[in-house]
Amino acid sequence: MAAQLLVIEVDRQDTGHAELRLTGDLDFDSAPELVDAVAALRRDGYQHLVIDLTGVGMCDSSGLSAFVIAHWGGSVPLRLIGVNASLRQLLVRTGLTELLELPPAVEDRDTRAVG
């Protein structure tokens, strides 16, 4: 199966806020694109960044590294949304959930609603 090229769409919202929507694979070949896109937004004064991963099919260790590098460049944690179950598990196992901001998992929300 061939890798899907990464497409990054940027929505510059109000002052200091932007959302990056990723579609494709976040891997060794494409991770530098994410790092560059985040660095460019930070240079332009955007610190509150949301990365929507709904369209990401695969994320390898280079993609995880890109999240770390992008995080180091700012004063506010990156917020990841649209994180699928396997990527969430990878983020938990690597300890990156301590570094990055993620919404609660669906099962966490279901548990809170019952209790």
Protein backbone atom coordinates (compact mmCIF):
# COMPACT_ATOMS: atom_id res chain seq x y z
CA MET A 1 0.00 0.00 0.00
CA ALA A 2 1.49 3.33 -1.05
CA ALA A 3 1.89 6.12 1.46
CA GLN A 4 -0.64 8.93 1.23
CA LEU A 5 0.91 12.35 0.69
CA LEU A 6 0.35 14.72 3.56
CA VAL A 7 -1.82 17.76 2.92
CA ILE A 8 -1.81 20.55 5.52
CA GLU A 9 -4.61 23.12 5.43
CA VAL A 10 -4.15 26.12 7.71
CA ASP A 11 -7.02 28.21 9.06
CA ARG A 12 -5.73 31.39 10.69
CA GLN A 13 -8.45 32.34 13.14
CA ASP A 14 -8.31 35.31 15.49
CA THR A 15 -5.12 36.82 16.82
CA GLY A 16 -2.72 34.13 17.94
CA HIS A 17 -4.98 31.15 17.09
CA ALA A 18 -4.70 28.81 14.10
CA GLU A 19 -5.86 25.32 13.16
CA LEU A 20 -3.93 22.91 10.97
CA ARG A 21 -5.97 20.15 9.31
CA LEU A 22 -3.84 17.20 8.23
CA THR A 23 -4.85 14.65 5.61
CA GLY A 24 -2.65 11.70 4.63
CA ASP A 25 0.23 9.97 6.35
CA LEU A 26 2.45 11.66 8.94
CA ASP A 27 5.73 9.80 8.52
CA PHE A 28 9.47 10.18 7.88
CA ASP A 29 8.89 11.89 4.54
CA SER A 30 6.11 14.26 5.62
CA ALA A 31 6.89 15.08 9.27
CA PRO A 32 9.24 17.96 8.30
CA GLU A 33 6.30 19.59 6.49
CA LEU A 34 4.37 19.74 9.77
CA VAL A 35 7.40 21.10 11.65
CA ASP A 36 7.87 23.79 8.99
CA ALA A 37 4.17 24.74 8.96
CA VAL A 38 4.09 25.11 12.75
CA ALA A 39 7.36 27.08 12.77
CA ALA A 40 6.01 29.47 10.13
CA LEU A 41 2.83 30.07 12.14
CA ARG A 42 4.84 30.68 15.31
CA ARG A 43 7.05 33.21 13.45
CA ASP A 44 3.85 34.99 12.39
CA GLY A 45 2.73 35.23 16.03
CA TYR A 46 0.39 32.26 16.26
CA GLN A 47 0.93 30.47 19.58
CA HIS A 48 -2.40 28.72 20.19
CA LEU A 49 -2.33 25.93 17.63
CA VAL A 50 -4.83 23.13 17.11
CA ILE A 51 -3.81 20.21 14.91
CA ASP A 52 -6.75 18.25 13.53
CA LEU A 53 -5.66 14.67 12.82
CA THR A 54 -9.04 13.37 11.65
CA GLY A 55 -7.69 12.81 8.12
CA VAL A 56 -4.41 11.16 9.16
CA GLY A 57 -4.27 7.50 8.20
CA MET A 58 -0.90 6.64 9.72
CA CYS A 59 1.56 8.29 12.11
CA ASP A 60 5.00 6.78 12.74
CA SER A 61 7.79 7.76 15.14
CA SER A 62 8.81 10.63 12.86
CA GLY A 63 5.30 12.03 13.17
CA LEU A 64 5.51 11.75 16.96
CA SER A 65 8.87 13.51 16.83
CA ALA A 66 7.30 16.29 14.76
CA PHE A 67 4.76 16.87 17.56
CA VAL A 68 7.58 17.17 20.09
CA ILE A 69 9.62 19.56 17.93
CA ALA A 70 6.53 21.67 17.21
CA HIS A 71 5.73 21.78 20.93
CA TRP A 72 9.23 22.96 21.85
CA GLY A 73 8.87 25.97 19.57
CA GLY A 74 6.01 27.54 21.48
CA SER A 75 4.87 28.81 24.82
CA VAL A 76 1.49 27.05 24.74
CA PRO A 77 0.96 23.27 24.36
CA LEU A 78 -0.21 22.05 20.98
CA ARG A 79 -3.79 20.83 21.03
CA LEU A 80 -4.44 17.66 19.05
CA ILE A 81 -8.00 16.84 17.99
CA GLY A 82 -9.43 14.08 15.82
CA VAL A 83 -7.01 11.57 17.31
CA ASN A 84 -7.96 8.00 16.38
CA ALA A 85 -7.77 5.19 18.94
CA SER A 86 -4.47 3.70 17.73
CA LEU A 87 -2.70 7.07 17.65
CA ARG A 88 -4.10 7.93 21.09
CA GLN A 89 -2.73 4.65 22.42
CA LEU A 90 0.68 5.45 20.89
CA LEU A 91 0.65 8.92 22.47
CA VAL A 92 -0.23 7.43 25.85
CA ARG A 93 2.45 4.71 25.65
CA THR A 94 5.16 7.21 24.69
CA GLY A 95 4.15 9.69 27.40
CA LEU A 96 3.33 12.42 24.89
CA THR A 97 -0.10 12.95 26.44
CA GLU A 98 1.81 14.64 29.28
CA LEU A 99 3.32 17.11 26.79
CA LEU A 100 0.49 17.70 24.34
CA GLU A 101 -3.11 18.68 24.94
CA LEU A 102 -5.73 16.13 23.88
CA PRO A 103 -9.47 16.08 24.47
CA PRO A 104 -10.70 13.20 26.64
CA ALA A 105 -11.08 9.85 24.91
CA VAL A 106 -14.63 8.83 23.99
CA GLU A 107 -14.61 6.08 26.63
CA ASP A 108 -13.50 8.65 29.25
CA ARG A 109 -16.46 10.89 28.36
CA ASP A 110 -18.84 7.91 28.48
CA THR A 111 -17.56 6.92 31.93
CA ARG A 112 -18.02 10.45 33.29
CA ALA A 113 -21.55 10.69 31.88
CA VAL A 114 -22.59 7.47 33.65
CA GLY A 115 -20.98 8.27 37.00
